[in-house]
Amino acid sequence: MLIDIPQEFESFVASLVARRRFLSEHEVLAESLRLLQARESLAEEIQKGFEQIDAGQSIDGPLAFDKLRARLGEQLGS
């Protein structure tokens, strides 16, 4: 696959390779895509959370932490 890097990013990519932060332009692109994929995955998880809240499948923060503390106490006590 051939990809043209937008001109405004060429010097940035070149500097990353020159400073040995990445060994090649290919590695810069691969890391960029990994980060984009992670961001998209996070956005999907956030959307799922909003949908759960809308469906009434949530509890308030202090109650959630109380439950977590109790569960931790049980685990540490056993």
Protein backbone atom coordinates (compact mmCIF):
# COMPACT_ATOMS: atom_id res chain seq x y z
CA MET A 1 0.00 0.00 0.00
CA LEU A 2 1.36 3.39 -0.96
CA ILE A 3 0.44 6.28 1.29
CA ASP A 4 1.15 9.96 0.82
CA ILE A 5 1.78 11.81 4.04
CA PRO A 6 0.20 15.27 4.09
CA GLN A 7 2.86 17.93 3.64
CA GLU A 8 2.19 19.48 7.04
CA PHE A 9 3.24 16.18 8.69
CA GLU A 10 6.30 15.36 6.56
CA SER A 11 8.80 17.30 8.68
CA PHE A 12 7.29 15.92 11.88
CA VAL A 13 7.61 12.33 10.68
CA ALA A 14 11.12 12.99 9.39
CA SER A 15 12.15 14.44 12.76
CA LEU A 16 10.82 11.39 14.61
CA VAL A 17 12.90 9.13 12.39
CA ALA A 18 15.96 11.41 12.56
CA ARG A 19 15.85 11.44 16.38
CA ARG A 20 15.62 7.63 16.30
CA ARG A 21 12.25 7.73 18.05
CA PHE A 22 11.16 5.42 15.23
CA LEU A 23 13.39 3.53 12.84
CA SER A 24 11.29 4.25 9.75
CA GLU A 25 8.34 6.16 8.40
CA HIS A 26 6.51 2.83 8.31
CA GLU A 27 6.87 2.50 12.10
CA VAL A 28 5.52 6.04 12.58
CA LEU A 29 2.47 5.16 10.51
CA ALA A 30 1.95 1.84 12.30
CA GLU A 31 2.06 3.52 15.73
CA SER A 32 -0.29 6.23 14.51
CA LEU A 33 -2.79 3.60 13.41
CA ARG A 34 -2.46 1.73 16.73
CA LEU A 35 -3.26 4.94 18.59
CA LEU A 36 -6.21 5.69 16.31
CA GLN A 37 -7.50 2.16 16.81
CA ALA A 38 -7.22 2.53 20.60
CA ARG A 39 -9.06 5.86 20.47
CA GLU A 40 -11.85 4.36 18.39
CA SER A 41 -12.13 1.42 20.79
CA LEU A 42 -12.35 3.82 23.73
CA ALA A 43 -15.05 5.83 21.96
CA GLU A 44 -17.05 2.64 21.44
CA GLU A 45 -16.73 1.71 25.12
CA ILE A 46 -17.82 5.21 26.16
CA GLN A 47 -20.84 4.99 23.85
CA LYS A 48 -21.71 1.60 25.35
CA GLY A 49 -21.54 3.17 28.81
CA PHE A 50 -23.88 5.97 27.81
CA GLU A 51 -26.31 3.42 26.39
CA GLN A 52 -26.19 1.48 29.68
CA ILE A 53 -26.88 4.66 31.63
CA ASP A 54 -29.82 5.47 29.35
CA ALA A 55 -31.15 1.94 29.93
CA GLY A 56 -30.95 2.42 33.71
CA GLN A 57 -28.04 0.00 34.07
CA SER A 58 -25.87 2.15 36.29
CA ILE A 59 -25.30 3.04 39.92
CA ASP A 60 -24.06 6.28 41.38
CA GLY A 61 -20.34 6.76 42.03
CA PRO A 62 -20.26 6.67 45.85
CA LEU A 63 -22.37 3.49 45.91
CA ALA A 64 -20.07 1.86 43.35
CA PHE A 65 -17.00 2.68 45.46
CA ASP A 66 -18.70 1.39 48.61
CA LYS A 67 -19.34 -1.93 46.84
CA LEU A 68 -15.75 -2.09 45.61
CA ARG A 69 -14.38 -1.39 49.09
CA ALA A 70 -16.60 -4.10 50.55
CA ARG A 71 -15.48 -6.60 47.90
CA LEU A 72 -11.83 -5.72 48.51
CA GLY A 73 -12.34 -6.11 52.26
CA GLU A 74 -13.81 -9.57 51.71
CA GLN A 75 -10.88 -10.60 49.53
CA LEU A 76 -8.30 -9.31 51.95
CA GLY A 77 -10.08 -10.88 54.90
CA SER A 78 -10.08 -14.38 53.36
